[in-house]
Amino acid sequence: MKTILLLLLLSPFGLWAQIELPVSVRPENLKPIESDLLPAYHGRYGGSVRTQYTYDGLDVRRAKDLEQYIYASGDPNAIQEFNAYIGSRKAGGWLIAGGITSAIVGVIIMGSNGPGSDGKFTIQQPYVCPTGYVCGGSSGTVYGGQITGYQTMTDTQRQNTYAAGGLTLLGGVLMAGIGWAMNKPGPHLRRSVQYYNRALKQRGISWQFTPYSSLSNSGVGLVGRF
């Protein structure tokens, strides 16, 4: 009776496992993950390579698609490294989003505070005749408190705001670049695949005690069967 109740309790979990993993991704059906380095870019300034992962003879289009195989293996080290890779991807995604937003804000700030047509940050500052005085202005005699004319001065505030917008743009680009680098498969994914392949190799080994004897002694030995 207790056995039947235990089976009934565990049956939903078994059904969930069947829904979660396809038949080809069962732990007993897993196959090694292979990798190869392929040229990714060749141009005037050099070239680069990328890692192409292959499962069961087919190229894995996205490194994240290895998730189902890594989790199905049940190897804690492989899963831990893969989770670290996923965490790095998520952090990289947030950095990319924040970097793009900062870059857009920087462009807006620079566009609304840019230099004039002469390429300079200047402003026409009015010159006011001091109170109680009579001044000679461009249009004649001007009394105290009135504007006598204008003088060209450097608009320091607009210049500093424009520079701040440039720094915001640069910071956003750098942030997005770091996020893009964090999204690429790195050492965590490589170690995860290595742990996964090692777990598959170890799964094919069974150990048992067998008697042995030689000319000098005899006893029981531990033998591995592959």
C-alpha atoms as a PDB file:
ATOM      1  CA  MET A   1       0.000   0.000   0.000  1.00  0.00           C
ATOM      2  CA  LYS A   2       2.790   2.408   0.918  1.00  0.00           C
ATOM      3  CA  THR A   3       4.541   1.612  -2.344  1.00  0.00           C
ATOM      4  CA  ILE A   4       1.407   2.421  -4.351  1.00  0.00           C
ATOM      5  CA  LEU A   5       0.984   5.758  -2.542  1.00  0.00           C
ATOM      6  CA  LEU A   6       4.623   6.626  -3.181  1.00  0.00           C
ATOM      7  CA  LEU A   7       4.235   5.873  -6.873  1.00  0.00           C
ATOM      8  CA  LEU A   8       1.112   8.031  -7.047  1.00  0.00           C
ATOM      9  CA  LEU A   9       2.940  10.932  -5.378  1.00  0.00           C
ATOM     10  CA  LEU A  10       5.907  10.675  -7.700  1.00  0.00           C
ATOM     11  CA  SER A  11       3.887  10.236 -10.890  1.00  0.00           C
ATOM     12  CA  PRO A  12       3.265  13.991 -11.445  1.00  0.00           C
ATOM     13  CA  PHE A  13       7.002  14.626 -11.288  1.00  0.00           C
ATOM     14  CA  GLY A  14       7.615  11.894 -13.791  1.00  0.00           C
ATOM     15  CA  LEU A  15       4.985  13.367 -16.092  1.00  0.00           C
ATOM     16  CA  TRP A  16       6.569  16.806 -15.768  1.00  0.00           C
ATOM     17  CA  ALA A  17       9.953  15.363 -16.671  1.00  0.00           C
ATOM     18  CA  GLN A  18       8.458  13.739 -19.757  1.00  0.00           C
ATOM     19  CA  ILE A  19       6.924  17.040 -20.834  1.00  0.00           C
ATOM     20  CA  GLU A  20      10.059  19.044 -20.054  1.00  0.00           C
ATOM     21  CA  LEU A  21      12.591  16.920 -21.925  1.00  0.00           C
ATOM     22  CA  PRO A  22      12.142  15.331 -25.369  1.00  0.00           C
ATOM     23  CA  VAL A  23      12.813  11.636 -25.752  1.00  0.00           C
ATOM     24  CA  SER A  24      16.096  12.345 -27.547  1.00  0.00           C
ATOM     25  CA  VAL A  25      17.321  14.399 -24.561  1.00  0.00           C
ATOM     26  CA  ARG A  26      16.855  11.678 -21.967  1.00  0.00           C
ATOM     27  CA  PRO A  27      19.892  11.154 -19.718  1.00  0.00           C
ATOM     28  CA  GLU A  28      20.380   7.679 -21.158  1.00  0.00           C
ATOM     29  CA  ASN A  29      20.284   9.031 -24.740  1.00  0.00           C
ATOM     30  CA  LEU A  30      22.737  11.913 -24.334  1.00  0.00           C
ATOM     31  CA  LYS A  31      25.661  12.185 -26.716  1.00  0.00           C
ATOM     32  CA  PRO A  32      28.950  14.092 -26.452  1.00  0.00           C
ATOM     33  CA  ILE A  33      29.097  17.773 -27.373  1.00  0.00           C
ATOM     34  CA  GLU A  34      31.840  18.503 -29.879  1.00  0.00           C
ATOM     35  CA  SER A  35      33.382  21.875 -30.651  1.00  0.00           C
ATOM     36  CA  ASP A  36      35.527  23.351 -33.387  1.00  0.00           C
ATOM     37  CA  LEU A  37      37.105  26.741 -34.065  1.00  0.00           C
ATOM     38  CA  LEU A  38      35.848  28.451 -37.218  1.00  0.00           C
ATOM     39  CA  PRO A  39      36.958  31.746 -38.810  1.00  0.00           C
ATOM     40  CA  ALA A  40      34.466  34.452 -37.899  1.00  0.00           C
ATOM     41  CA  TYR A  41      35.951  37.481 -39.635  1.00  0.00           C
ATOM     42  CA  HIS A  42      38.682  38.108 -42.161  1.00  0.00           C
ATOM     43  CA  GLY A  43      39.330  41.628 -43.275  1.00  0.00           C
ATOM     44  CA  ARG A  44      41.895  44.292 -43.781  1.00  0.00           C
ATOM     45  CA  TYR A  45      42.917  44.459 -40.147  1.00  0.00           C
ATOM     46  CA  GLY A  46      43.118  40.740 -39.406  1.00  0.00           C
ATOM     47  CA  GLY A  47      40.788  37.912 -38.517  1.00  0.00           C
ATOM     48  CA  SER A  48      39.071  36.222 -35.599  1.00  0.00           C
ATOM     49  CA  VAL A  49      37.639  32.828 -34.773  1.00  0.00           C
ATOM     50  CA  ARG A  50      34.521  31.558 -33.029  1.00  0.00           C
ATOM     51  CA  THR A  51      33.623  28.291 -31.372  1.00  0.00           C
ATOM     52  CA  GLN A  52      31.077  26.138 -33.191  1.00  0.00           C
ATOM     53  CA  TYR A  53      29.409  23.503 -30.993  1.00  0.00           C
ATOM     54  CA  THR A  54      28.023  20.333 -32.548  1.00  0.00           C
ATOM     55  CA  TYR A  55      25.594  17.811 -31.073  1.00  0.00           C
ATOM     56  CA  ASP A  56      24.862  14.501 -32.803  1.00  0.00           C
ATOM     57  CA  GLY A  57      26.460  15.725 -36.013  1.00  0.00           C
ATOM     58  CA  LEU A  58      24.392  18.938 -36.222  1.00  0.00           C
ATOM     59  CA  ASP A  59      25.638  22.473 -35.609  1.00  0.00           C
ATOM     60  CA  VAL A  60      24.196  24.183 -32.541  1.00  0.00           C
ATOM     61  CA  ARG A  61      22.916  27.531 -33.806  1.00  0.00           C
ATOM     62  CA  ARG A  62      22.963  29.242 -30.396  1.00  0.00           C
ATOM     63  CA  ALA A  63      25.153  28.291 -27.467  1.00  0.00           C
ATOM     64  CA  LYS A  64      22.127  28.667 -25.179  1.00  0.00           C
ATOM     65  CA  ASP A  65      20.513  25.715 -27.020  1.00  0.00           C
ATOM     66  CA  LEU A  66      22.924  23.436 -25.146  1.00  0.00           C
ATOM     67  CA  GLU A  67      20.854  24.080 -22.025  1.00  0.00           C
ATOM     68  CA  GLN A  68      18.608  21.035 -22.445  1.00  0.00           C
ATOM     69  CA  TYR A  69      21.577  18.670 -22.779  1.00  0.00           C
ATOM     70  CA  ILE A  70      23.556  20.178 -19.884  1.00  0.00           C
ATOM     71  CA  TYR A  71      20.588  20.012 -17.495  1.00  0.00           C
ATOM     72  CA  ALA A  72      19.634  16.505 -18.618  1.00  0.00           C
ATOM     73  CA  SER A  73      23.125  15.260 -17.741  1.00  0.00           C
ATOM     74  CA  GLY A  74      22.508  16.032 -14.066  1.00  0.00           C
ATOM     75  CA  ASP A  75      26.202  16.792 -13.525  1.00  0.00           C
ATOM     76  CA  PRO A  76      26.366  19.507 -10.819  1.00  0.00           C
ATOM     77  CA  ASN A  77      29.620  21.018 -12.089  1.00  0.00           C
ATOM     78  CA  ALA A  78      28.354  21.286 -15.663  1.00  0.00           C
ATOM     79  CA  ILE A  79      25.068  22.814 -14.508  1.00  0.00           C
ATOM     80  CA  GLN A  80      26.819  25.288 -12.190  1.00  0.00           C
ATOM     81  CA  GLU A  81      29.125  26.505 -14.962  1.00  0.00           C
ATOM     82  CA  PHE A  82      26.232  26.748 -17.423  1.00  0.00           C
ATOM     83  CA  ASN A  83      24.181  28.765 -14.924  1.00  0.00           C
ATOM     84  CA  ALA A  84      27.147  31.114 -14.544  1.00  0.00           C
ATOM     85  CA  TYR A  85      27.174  31.523 -18.327  1.00  0.00           C
ATOM     86  CA  ILE A  86      23.431  32.279 -18.352  1.00  0.00           C
ATOM     87  CA  GLY A  87      23.902  34.792 -15.513  1.00  0.00           C
ATOM     88  CA  SER A  88      26.644  36.495 -17.516  1.00  0.00           C
ATOM     89  CA  ARG A  89      24.337  36.667 -20.549  1.00  0.00           C
ATOM     90  CA  LYS A  90      21.571  38.287 -18.504  1.00  0.00           C
ATOM     91  CA  ALA A  91      23.946  40.837 -16.982  1.00  0.00           C
ATOM     92  CA  GLY A  92      25.321  41.539 -20.438  1.00  0.00           C
ATOM     93  CA  GLY A  93      21.810  42.098 -21.769  1.00  0.00           C
ATOM     94  CA  TRP A  94      21.102  44.678 -19.069  1.00  0.00           C
ATOM     95  CA  LEU A  95      24.403  46.409 -19.816  1.00  0.00           C
ATOM     96  CA  ILE A  96      23.582  46.551 -23.520  1.00  0.00           C
ATOM     97  CA  ALA A  97      20.147  48.030 -22.817  1.00  0.00           C
ATOM     98  CA  GLY A  98      21.575  50.566 -20.369  1.00  0.00           C
ATOM     99  CA  GLY A  99      24.424  51.422 -22.713  1.00  0.00           C
ATOM    100  CA  ILE A 100      22.116  52.053 -25.674  1.00  0.00           C
ATOM    101  CA  THR A 101      19.868  54.231 -23.496  1.00  0.00           C
ATOM    102  CA  SER A 102      22.833  56.244 -22.219  1.00  0.00           C
ATOM    103  CA  ALA A 103      24.164  56.676 -25.751  1.00  0.00           C
ATOM    104  CA  ILE A 104      20.791  57.999 -26.957  1.00  0.00           C
ATOM    105  CA  VAL A 105      20.597  60.433 -24.025  1.00  0.00           C
ATOM    106  CA  GLY A 106      24.136  61.606 -24.798  1.00  0.00           C
ATOM    107  CA  VAL A 107      23.279  62.223 -28.453  1.00  0.00           C
ATOM    108  CA  ILE A 108      20.200  64.238 -27.449  1.00  0.00           C
ATOM    109  CA  ILE A 109      22.211  66.358 -24.999  1.00  0.00           C
ATOM    110  CA  MET A 110      24.922  67.032 -27.561  1.00  0.00           C
ATOM    111  CA  GLY A 111      22.377  67.843 -30.273  1.00  0.00           C
ATOM    112  CA  SER A 112      20.570  70.434 -28.151  1.00  0.00           C
ATOM    113  CA  ASN A 113      23.748  72.055 -26.816  1.00  0.00           C
ATOM    114  CA  GLY A 114      26.039  71.965 -29.831  1.00  0.00           C
ATOM    115  CA  PRO A 115      28.249  74.812 -31.051  1.00  0.00           C
ATOM    116  CA  GLY A 116      26.995  77.519 -33.363  1.00  0.00           C
ATOM    117  CA  SER A 117      27.471  77.750 -37.103  1.00  0.00           C
ATOM    118  CA  ASP A 118      30.977  79.066 -36.502  1.00  0.00           C
ATOM    119  CA  GLY A 119      31.864  75.966 -34.511  1.00  0.00           C
ATOM    120  CA  LYS A 120      32.229  77.944 -31.280  1.00  0.00           C
ATOM    121  CA  PHE A 121      30.302  78.053 -28.023  1.00  0.00           C
ATOM    122  CA  THR A 122      29.524  81.760 -27.900  1.00  0.00           C
ATOM    123  CA  ILE A 123      26.667  83.890 -26.626  1.00  0.00           C
ATOM    124  CA  GLN A 124      25.716  87.544 -27.045  1.00  0.00           C
ATOM    125  CA  GLN A 125      25.852  88.989 -23.543  1.00  0.00           C
ATOM    126  CA  PRO A 126      24.074  92.374 -23.070  1.00  0.00           C
ATOM    127  CA  TYR A 127      26.044  95.213 -21.493  1.00  0.00           C
ATOM    128  CA  VAL A 128      23.909  97.296 -19.086  1.00  0.00           C
ATOM    129  CA  CYS A 129      24.689 100.871 -18.191  1.00  0.00           C
ATOM    130  CA  PRO A 130      25.227 101.143 -14.414  1.00  0.00           C
ATOM    131  CA  THR A 131      22.448 102.745 -12.411  1.00  0.00           C
ATOM    132  CA  GLY A 132      22.906 106.461 -11.933  1.00  0.00           C
ATOM    133  CA  TYR A 133      25.134 106.844 -14.981  1.00  0.00           C
ATOM    134  CA  VAL A 134      24.627 108.037 -18.515  1.00  0.00           C
ATOM    135  CA  CYS A 135      26.343 105.917 -21.111  1.00  0.00           C
ATOM    136  CA  GLY A 136      26.940 106.229 -24.806  1.00  0.00           C
ATOM    137  CA  GLY A 137      25.412 103.238 -26.546  1.00  0.00           C
ATOM    138  CA  SER A 138      25.318 102.091 -30.152  1.00  0.00           C
ATOM    139  CA  SER A 139      21.996 103.874 -30.611  1.00  0.00           C
ATOM    140  CA  GLY A 140      22.909 107.005 -28.747  1.00  0.00           C
ATOM    141  CA  THR A 141      22.769 108.120 -25.146  1.00  0.00           C
ATOM    142  CA  VAL A 142      21.609 105.431 -22.714  1.00  0.00           C
ATOM    143  CA  TYR A 143      20.717 105.962 -19.071  1.00  0.00           C
ATOM    144  CA  GLY A 144      21.445 103.723 -16.082  1.00  0.00           C
ATOM    145  CA  GLY A 145      19.764 100.300 -16.166  1.00  0.00           C
ATOM    146  CA  GLN A 146      19.405 100.293 -19.948  1.00  0.00           C
ATOM    147  CA  ILE A 147      21.284  98.091 -22.424  1.00  0.00           C
ATOM    148  CA  THR A 148      24.072  99.916 -24.189  1.00  0.00           C
ATOM    149  CA  GLY A 149      25.039  97.036 -26.497  1.00  0.00           C
ATOM    150  CA  TYR A 150      26.099  93.389 -26.707  1.00  0.00           C
ATOM    151  CA  GLN A 151      29.415  91.638 -26.366  1.00  0.00           C
ATOM    152  CA  THR A 152      30.391  88.154 -27.554  1.00  0.00           C
ATOM    153  CA  MET A 153      31.350  85.805 -24.700  1.00  0.00           C
ATOM    154  CA  THR A 154      32.061  82.118 -24.322  1.00  0.00           C
ATOM    155  CA  ASP A 155      28.976  80.151 -23.214  1.00  0.00           C
ATOM    156  CA  THR A 156      30.691  78.036 -20.571  1.00  0.00           C
ATOM    157  CA  GLN A 157      27.485  76.385 -19.379  1.00  0.00           C
ATOM    158  CA  ARG A 158      26.524  75.140 -22.851  1.00  0.00           C
ATOM    159  CA  GLN A 159      30.081  74.039 -23.483  1.00  0.00           C
ATOM    160  CA  ASN A 160      30.173  71.996 -20.277  1.00  0.00           C
ATOM    161  CA  THR A 161      26.760  70.486 -21.010  1.00  0.00           C
ATOM    162  CA  TYR A 162      27.912  69.474 -24.486  1.00  0.00           C
ATOM    163  CA  ALA A 163      31.015  67.833 -22.988  1.00  0.00           C
ATOM    164  CA  ALA A 164      28.848  65.995 -20.438  1.00  0.00           C
ATOM    165  CA  GLY A 165      26.692  64.685 -23.297  1.00  0.00           C
ATOM    166  CA  GLY A 166      29.821  63.420 -25.048  1.00  0.00           C
ATOM    167  CA  LEU A 167      30.932  61.591 -21.911  1.00  0.00           C
ATOM    168  CA  THR A 168      27.450  60.085 -21.547  1.00  0.00           C
ATOM    169  CA  LEU A 169      27.584  58.897 -25.164  1.00  0.00           C
ATOM    170  CA  LEU A 170      31.054  57.423 -24.727  1.00  0.00           C
ATOM    171  CA  GLY A 171      30.072  55.713 -21.460  1.00  0.00           C
ATOM    172  CA  GLY A 172      27.002  54.218 -23.102  1.00  0.00           C
ATOM    173  CA  VAL A 173      29.042  52.836 -25.995  1.00  0.00           C
ATOM    174  CA  LEU A 174      31.587  51.307 -23.597  1.00  0.00           C
ATOM    175  CA  MET A 175      28.809  49.831 -21.455  1.00  0.00           C
ATOM    176  CA  ALA A 176      27.116  48.282 -24.499  1.00  0.00           C
ATOM    177  CA  GLY A 177      30.479  46.905 -25.655  1.00  0.00           C
ATOM    178  CA  ILE A 178      31.087  45.236 -22.298  1.00  0.00           C
ATOM    179  CA  GLY A 179      27.575  43.796 -22.368  1.00  0.00           C
ATOM    180  CA  TRP A 180      28.125  42.441 -25.874  1.00  0.00           C
ATOM    181  CA  ALA A 181      31.356  40.759 -24.737  1.00  0.00           C
ATOM    182  CA  MET A 182      29.552  39.220 -21.739  1.00  0.00           C
ATOM    183  CA  ASN A 183      26.887  37.798 -24.070  1.00  0.00           C
ATOM    184  CA  LYS A 184      29.440  35.837 -26.058  1.00  0.00           C
ATOM    185  CA  PRO A 185      30.182  32.235 -24.983  1.00  0.00           C
ATOM    186  CA  GLY A 186      33.166  32.314 -22.679  1.00  0.00           C
ATOM    187  CA  PRO A 187      35.123  30.132 -20.242  1.00  0.00           C
ATOM    188  CA  HIS A 188      32.033  29.219 -18.200  1.00  0.00           C
ATOM    189  CA  LEU A 189      30.379  27.590 -21.214  1.00  0.00           C
ATOM    190  CA  ARG A 190      33.578  25.826 -22.246  1.00  0.00           C
ATOM    191  CA  ARG A 191      34.038  24.361 -18.768  1.00  0.00           C
ATOM    192  CA  SER A 192      30.369  23.361 -18.689  1.00  0.00           C
ATOM    193  CA  VAL A 193      30.788  21.384 -21.918  1.00  0.00           C
ATOM    194  CA  GLN A 194      33.972  19.799 -20.569  1.00  0.00           C
ATOM    195  CA  TYR A 195      32.237  18.686 -17.368  1.00  0.00           C
ATOM    196  CA  TYR A 196      29.309  17.406 -19.437  1.00  0.00           C
ATOM    197  CA  ASN A 197      31.518  15.276 -21.693  1.00  0.00           C
ATOM    198  CA  ARG A 198      33.467  13.968 -18.711  1.00  0.00           C
ATOM    199  CA  ALA A 199      30.220  12.973 -16.992  1.00  0.00           C
ATOM    200  CA  LEU A 200      29.163  10.990 -20.071  1.00  0.00           C
ATOM    201  CA  LYS A 201      32.473   9.127 -20.111  1.00  0.00           C
ATOM    202  CA  GLN A 202      32.261   8.313 -16.410  1.00  0.00           C
ATOM    203  CA  ARG A 203      28.685   7.122 -16.821  1.00  0.00           C
ATOM    204  CA  GLY A 204      29.922   4.268 -18.999  1.00  0.00           C
ATOM    205  CA  ILE A 205      32.176   2.870 -16.256  1.00  0.00           C
ATOM    206  CA  SER A 206      30.948   0.353 -13.681  1.00  0.00           C
ATOM    207  CA  TRP A 207      33.005  -0.787 -10.722  1.00  0.00           C
ATOM    208  CA  GLN A 208      32.848  -4.121  -8.938  1.00  0.00           C
ATOM    209  CA  PHE A 209      34.918  -6.234  -6.570  1.00  0.00           C
ATOM    210  CA  THR A 210      36.366  -9.410  -8.072  1.00  0.00           C
ATOM    211  CA  PRO A 211      38.760 -11.985  -6.603  1.00  0.00           C
ATOM    212  CA  TYR A 212      42.253 -12.194  -7.997  1.00  0.00           C
ATOM    213  CA  SER A 213      45.364 -14.240  -7.381  1.00  0.00           C
ATOM    214  CA  SER A 214      49.009 -14.116  -8.380  1.00  0.00           C
ATOM    215  CA  LEU A 215      52.183 -16.005  -7.590  1.00  0.00           C
ATOM    216  CA  SER A 216      52.845 -13.827  -4.569  1.00  0.00           C
ATOM    217  CA  ASN A 217      49.434 -13.075  -3.063  1.00  0.00           C
ATOM    218  CA  SER A 218      45.680 -13.232  -3.565  1.00  0.00           C
ATOM    219  CA  GLY A 219      42.649 -11.270  -2.485  1.00  0.00           C
ATOM    220  CA  VAL A 220      39.864  -9.021  -3.779  1.00  0.00           C
ATOM    221  CA  GLY A 221      40.415  -6.213  -6.300  1.00  0.00           C
ATOM    222  CA  LEU A 222      38.369  -3.306  -7.608  1.00  0.00           C
ATOM    223  CA  VAL A 223      37.835  -3.612 -11.361  1.00  0.00           C
ATOM    224  CA  GLY A 224      36.290  -1.066 -13.708  1.00  0.00           C
ATOM    225  CA  ARG A 225      34.246  -2.226 -16.654  1.00  0.00           C
ATOM    226  CA  PHE A 226      33.864   0.106 -19.664  1.00  0.00           C
END
